[in-house]
Amino acid sequence: MEYQQMAMMSYTLALGKWGQSNDIVKLCQLTRKFGLEAIDWVTTYGVPPEKVKKICDDFGLKTICYTFFVDINFPEKKDRQPGIDKIKEGIETALVLGTDKIMLPLTGKDGLTRQESRKNCIEGLKEAVLIAEKSGITVTVEHFPMKSAPFIVSADVNEAIKEVPQLRVTYDSGNVLTGGENPVDGYLNSKDYVVHVHFKDFIYDDAVESNFQGADGRYYKPALIGEGLLDYPAIIKAMVDNNYKGYINFEYEGKTYTPEDAMEKGLKYLKHLFETIK
């Protein structure tokens, strides 16, 4: 793999001052500053997608995924319909932005087991992929860290793909860990369906201080890639050995560094790994 496969995730920078101003130009400038050529837009922050596309074009940047939240976690089709309608809008936005894929972070709900939520979401995804296919858009779901989420580990997403063969996976290395799965195994178990990747890291946290408990029962806190629990040399080696060709989002949710400092430091670490792992 090459460093050029790294992509900006707008969410990471939106956690800083950029997110307060919705300055698309600033984000594109930063993307170029870090030597990246691609962006995953996590919503367009109220800016019309046509304007976002023009700004990206001006900077010679391409959108490689459009990410947005929807709620299709309902047992009845009529209750899922507002979420399906939002997916239709998201597909239209993706087409304007010029990307061929969307990513849906799907959450759990109080009163529902993970299996119940997964069943509901799978039924909604069956509808979503049929709509997306007509526009040439691929629908992906990620491993989500919420302990009640329908999709956290590889077995969850693989179950969905058995029922929705057109569905694809956005592999999130850090979120897989919070489900109690080795991130390398999480990639290898779904590698044939992974079309997009998120890299992030975690450290263990004190149960009293933490506001995030994983599905594995442990408590976590966001960390910079290379400073946490994940074995990125092993993860990247698994991806290289299996000829992964897609993009990789850099993601940081911590508070130790500013988003810009985190990207500068974390991308330098990853670039070194890409250059040394063959």
Protein backbone atom coordinates (compact mmCIF):
# COMPACT_ATOMS: atom_id res chain seq x y z
CA MET A 1 0.00 0.00 0.00
CA GLU A 2 1.00 3.60 -0.50
CA TYR A 3 0.68 6.73 1.63
CA GLN A 4 -1.45 8.15 -1.20
CA GLN A 5 -4.21 5.77 -0.12
CA MET A 6 -4.72 7.82 3.04
CA ALA A 7 -7.76 10.10 2.96
CA MET A 8 -8.99 13.05 4.97
CA MET A 9 -12.03 12.30 7.13
CA SER A 10 -13.87 15.59 7.54
CA TYR A 11 -15.19 14.43 10.93
CA THR A 12 -11.70 14.50 12.46
CA LEU A 13 -11.07 18.14 11.60
CA ALA A 14 -14.67 19.11 12.35
CA LEU A 15 -13.96 18.31 16.00
CA GLY A 16 -11.66 21.31 16.04
CA LYS A 17 -12.14 24.98 15.10
CA TRP A 18 -12.95 24.11 11.48
CA GLY A 19 -16.17 22.45 12.61
CA GLN A 20 -17.33 25.72 14.16
CA SER A 21 -17.07 27.62 10.89
CA ASN A 22 -17.92 25.00 8.25
CA ASP A 23 -15.01 26.35 6.23
CA ILE A 24 -14.84 23.89 3.34
CA VAL A 25 -11.98 25.82 1.76
CA LYS A 26 -9.94 25.52 4.97
CA LEU A 27 -10.50 21.79 5.13
CA CYS A 28 -9.41 21.35 1.53
CA GLN A 29 -6.31 23.46 2.20
CA LEU A 30 -5.44 21.23 5.16
CA THR A 31 -6.02 18.10 3.11
CA ARG A 32 -3.46 19.32 0.58
CA LYS A 33 -1.12 20.43 3.38
CA PHE A 34 -0.94 16.83 4.61
CA GLY A 35 -0.23 15.51 1.13
CA LEU A 36 -3.62 13.85 0.69
CA GLU A 37 -5.72 13.79 -2.45
CA ALA A 38 -9.03 12.39 -1.19
CA ILE A 39 -11.78 13.27 1.30
CA ASP A 40 -14.56 11.33 2.99
CA TRP A 41 -17.30 13.86 3.73
CA VAL A 42 -19.19 13.09 6.93
CA THR A 43 -22.20 15.18 5.89
CA THR A 44 -21.52 18.47 4.07
CA TYR A 45 -22.14 20.55 7.23
CA GLY A 46 -25.02 22.46 5.73
CA VAL A 47 -23.07 23.48 2.64
CA PRO A 48 -24.76 22.57 -0.69
CA PRO A 49 -22.98 19.57 -2.21
CA GLU A 50 -22.61 21.41 -5.52
CA LYS A 51 -20.50 24.04 -3.73
CA VAL A 52 -18.47 21.38 -1.92
CA LYS A 53 -17.79 19.64 -5.24
CA LYS A 54 -16.61 22.86 -6.88
CA ILE A 55 -14.25 23.67 -4.02
CA CYS A 56 -12.84 20.14 -4.12
CA ASP A 57 -12.33 20.43 -7.85
CA ASP A 58 -10.52 23.74 -7.39
CA PHE A 59 -8.05 21.98 -5.07
CA GLY A 60 -7.77 18.88 -7.25
CA LEU A 61 -9.35 16.71 -4.56
CA LYS A 62 -11.76 13.82 -5.00
CA THR A 63 -14.49 12.58 -2.69
CA ILE A 64 -14.10 8.86 -2.06
CA CYS A 65 -17.07 8.32 0.28
CA TYR A 66 -20.09 10.18 1.64
CA THR A 67 -20.97 9.33 5.25
CA PHE A 68 -24.19 10.20 7.05
CA PHE A 69 -26.40 8.92 9.86
CA VAL A 70 -29.82 7.39 9.27
CA ASP A 71 -32.23 5.43 11.43
CA ILE A 72 -33.55 2.24 9.83
CA ASN A 73 -33.61 0.32 13.10
CA PHE A 74 -37.32 -0.48 13.10
CA PRO A 75 -39.12 -3.81 12.64
CA GLU A 76 -41.87 -2.32 10.45
CA LYS A 77 -41.24 -1.15 6.89
CA LYS A 78 -43.41 1.96 7.35
CA ASP A 79 -41.29 3.09 10.28
CA ARG A 80 -38.08 2.55 8.31
CA GLN A 81 -39.35 4.68 5.42
CA PRO A 82 -38.08 8.08 6.70
CA GLY A 83 -34.61 6.53 6.96
CA ILE A 84 -34.89 5.06 3.48
CA ASP A 85 -35.91 8.47 2.16
CA LYS A 86 -32.83 9.98 3.81
CA ILE A 87 -30.67 7.32 2.17
CA LYS A 88 -32.14 8.33 -1.19
CA GLU A 89 -31.11 11.93 -0.46
CA GLY A 90 -27.66 10.74 0.59
CA ILE A 91 -27.25 8.84 -2.67
CA GLU A 92 -28.16 11.99 -4.60
CA THR A 93 -25.59 13.94 -2.59
CA ALA A 94 -22.94 11.28 -3.25
CA LEU A 95 -23.58 11.54 -6.98
CA VAL A 96 -23.15 15.33 -6.87
CA LEU A 97 -19.92 14.95 -4.87
CA GLY A 98 -18.65 12.45 -7.43
CA THR A 99 -18.19 9.41 -5.22
CA ASP A 100 -19.33 5.84 -5.83
CA LYS A 101 -20.02 4.84 -2.24
CA ILE A 102 -21.90 5.86 0.88
CA MET A 103 -21.26 4.77 4.46
CA LEU A 104 -23.98 4.33 7.08
CA PRO A 105 -22.99 4.30 10.79
CA LEU A 106 -25.89 2.35 12.26
CA THR A 107 -26.63 2.50 15.98
CA GLY A 108 -28.48 0.39 18.51
CA LYS A 109 -31.47 1.38 20.61
CA ASP A 110 -32.53 1.09 24.21
CA GLY A 111 -34.80 -1.89 24.70
CA LEU A 112 -33.43 -3.79 21.70
CA THR A 113 -30.81 -6.51 21.71
CA ARG A 114 -27.97 -6.26 19.23
CA GLN A 115 -29.51 -9.14 17.30
CA GLU A 116 -32.88 -7.40 17.11
CA SER A 117 -31.25 -4.19 15.90
CA ARG A 118 -29.21 -6.14 13.36
CA LYS A 119 -32.32 -7.84 11.99
CA ASN A 120 -34.13 -4.50 11.65
CA CYS A 121 -31.17 -2.83 9.95
CA ILE A 122 -30.63 -5.73 7.56
CA GLU A 123 -34.21 -5.39 6.37
CA GLY A 124 -33.62 -1.69 5.75
CA LEU A 125 -30.33 -2.38 3.98
CA LYS A 126 -32.11 -4.75 1.59
CA GLU A 127 -34.16 -1.76 0.45
CA ALA A 128 -31.19 0.63 0.43
CA VAL A 129 -28.94 -1.44 -1.84
CA LEU A 130 -31.66 -1.80 -4.47
CA ILE A 131 -32.06 1.98 -4.61
CA ALA A 132 -28.29 2.54 -4.66
CA GLU A 133 -27.65 0.00 -7.42
CA LYS A 134 -29.77 2.02 -9.84
CA SER A 135 -27.35 4.94 -9.42
CA GLY A 136 -24.15 2.91 -9.40
CA ILE A 137 -23.59 3.59 -5.70
CA THR A 138 -22.19 1.02 -3.26
CA VAL A 139 -23.70 0.94 0.25
CA THR A 140 -21.29 0.21 3.10
CA VAL A 141 -21.69 -0.17 6.86
CA GLU A 142 -18.95 0.20 9.43
CA HIS A 143 -18.14 -1.55 12.67
CA PHE A 144 -19.68 0.86 15.19
CA PRO A 145 -18.35 1.18 18.78
CA MET A 146 -21.68 1.62 20.58
CA LYS A 147 -22.08 -1.53 22.70
CA SER A 148 -25.68 -1.98 21.58
CA ALA A 149 -24.86 -1.39 17.89
CA PRO A 150 -25.95 -3.98 15.32
CA PHE A 151 -22.54 -4.15 13.62
CA ILE A 152 -19.41 -4.16 15.76
CA VAL A 153 -17.31 -7.20 14.83
CA SER A 154 -16.73 -9.17 11.64
CA ALA A 155 -19.39 -11.79 12.42
CA ASP A 156 -22.00 -9.01 12.52
CA VAL A 157 -21.19 -7.53 9.11
CA ASN A 158 -20.71 -10.97 7.57
CA GLU A 159 -24.19 -11.95 8.75
CA ALA A 160 -25.59 -8.92 6.95
CA ILE A 161 -23.71 -9.71 3.73
CA LYS A 162 -25.16 -13.24 3.68
CA GLU A 163 -28.61 -11.66 3.52
CA VAL A 164 -27.65 -8.61 1.46
CA PRO A 165 -24.93 -9.75 -0.98
CA GLN A 166 -24.60 -6.29 -2.56
CA LEU A 167 -23.66 -4.74 0.80
CA ARG A 168 -20.01 -3.91 1.48
CA VAL A 169 -17.92 -3.15 4.59
CA THR A 170 -16.10 -0.09 5.85
CA TYR A 171 -13.54 -1.74 8.13
CA ASP A 172 -12.94 0.29 11.30
CA SER A 173 -9.86 -1.10 13.05
CA GLY A 174 -10.45 0.62 16.38
CA ASN A 175 -14.16 -0.09 16.62
CA VAL A 176 -13.59 -3.79 16.00
CA LEU A 177 -11.33 -3.83 19.06
CA THR A 178 -14.11 -2.50 21.31
CA GLY A 179 -16.22 -5.51 20.36
CA GLY A 180 -13.58 -7.87 21.73
CA GLU A 181 -12.16 -8.94 18.37
CA ASN A 182 -8.53 -8.80 17.31
CA PRO A 183 -8.47 -6.06 14.65
CA VAL A 184 -6.34 -8.19 12.32
CA ASP A 185 -8.92 -10.96 12.49
CA GLY A 186 -11.66 -8.39 12.01
CA TYR A 187 -10.10 -7.43 8.70
CA LEU A 188 -9.23 -10.91 7.51
CA ASN A 189 -12.67 -12.35 8.30
CA SER A 190 -14.38 -9.81 6.02
CA LYS A 191 -11.55 -8.93 3.62
CA ASP A 192 -13.43 -9.94 0.47
CA TYR A 193 -16.10 -7.32 1.22
CA VAL A 194 -13.98 -4.42 2.56
CA VAL A 195 -14.05 -1.46 0.17
CA HIS A 196 -13.18 1.35 2.57
CA VAL A 197 -11.19 1.61 5.82
CA HIS A 198 -11.07 3.77 8.96
CA PHE A 199 -7.89 3.83 11.06
CA LYS A 200 -8.15 4.99 14.68
CA ASP A 201 -6.73 3.95 18.05
CA PHE A 202 -7.79 3.52 21.68
CA ILE A 203 -6.27 3.04 25.10
CA TYR A 204 -7.96 1.46 28.11
CA ASP A 205 -9.61 3.89 30.48
CA ASP A 206 -10.63 3.90 34.12
CA ALA A 207 -14.20 2.71 34.62
CA VAL A 208 -15.00 5.64 36.90
CA GLU A 209 -13.60 8.30 34.57
CA SER A 210 -14.66 6.82 31.23
CA ASN A 211 -17.84 7.65 29.34
CA PHE A 212 -17.29 4.86 26.82
CA GLN A 213 -17.67 1.15 27.49
CA GLY A 214 -17.17 -1.26 24.63
CA ALA A 215 -19.29 -4.32 23.90
CA ASP A 216 -16.43 -6.37 25.36
CA GLY A 217 -17.06 -4.78 28.79
CA ARG A 218 -13.81 -2.81 28.82
CA TYR A 219 -13.60 0.98 29.07
CA TYR A 220 -11.81 2.95 26.38
CA LYS A 221 -10.48 6.40 25.56
CA PRO A 222 -9.47 7.64 22.09
CA ALA A 223 -5.75 7.73 21.35
CA LEU A 224 -3.56 8.83 18.47
CA ILE A 225 -2.76 6.13 15.94
CA GLY A 226 0.52 4.58 17.00
CA GLU A 227 0.10 5.52 20.67
CA GLY A 228 -2.70 3.11 21.56
CA LEU A 229 -3.56 -0.56 21.77
CA LEU A 230 -3.80 -1.43 18.10
CA ASP A 231 -0.99 -3.28 16.33
CA TYR A 232 -0.85 -1.21 13.15
CA PRO A 233 2.18 -2.98 11.67
CA ALA A 234 0.19 -6.24 11.82
CA ILE A 235 -3.00 -4.63 10.48
CA ILE A 236 -1.22 -3.01 7.54
CA LYS A 237 0.69 -6.23 6.82
CA ALA A 238 -2.61 -8.13 6.62
CA MET A 239 -4.00 -5.52 4.23
CA VAL A 240 -0.85 -5.54 2.08
CA ASP A 241 -0.77 -9.34 1.94
CA ASN A 242 -4.39 -9.36 0.78
CA ASN A 243 -3.89 -6.62 -1.82
CA TYR A 244 -6.23 -4.00 -0.38
CA LYS A 245 -6.63 -1.27 -3.01
CA GLY A 246 -9.10 1.17 -1.43
CA TYR A 247 -8.66 4.31 0.64
CA ILE A 248 -8.01 4.62 4.37
CA ASN A 249 -9.48 7.41 6.51
CA PHE A 250 -7.31 8.88 9.25
CA GLU A 251 -9.54 9.28 12.30
CA TYR A 252 -8.82 10.91 15.66
CA GLU A 253 -11.33 11.66 18.43
CA GLY A 254 -9.01 12.36 21.33
CA LYS A 255 -8.18 15.58 23.18
CA THR A 256 -4.45 15.15 23.77
CA TYR A 257 -3.67 16.80 20.44
CA THR A 258 -5.47 19.28 18.26
CA PRO A 259 -6.95 17.60 15.16
CA GLU A 260 -4.27 19.21 12.97
CA ASP A 261 -1.40 18.15 15.25
CA ALA A 262 -2.85 14.65 15.49
CA MET A 263 -2.98 14.34 11.72
CA GLU A 264 0.56 15.60 11.26
CA LYS A 265 1.97 13.22 13.85
CA GLY A 266 -0.24 10.23 13.04
CA LEU A 267 0.17 10.45 9.26
CA LYS A 268 3.96 10.61 9.66
CA TYR A 269 3.82 7.38 11.67
CA LEU A 270 1.62 5.66 9.09
CA LYS A 271 3.74 6.84 6.17
CA HIS A 272 6.73 5.20 7.79
CA LEU A 273 4.81 1.94 8.16
CA PHE A 274 3.68 2.01 4.53
CA GLU A 275 7.29 2.49 3.43
CA THR A 276 8.67 -0.34 5.57
CA ILE A 277 5.97 -3.01 5.40
CA LYS A 278 6.03 -4.92 2.13
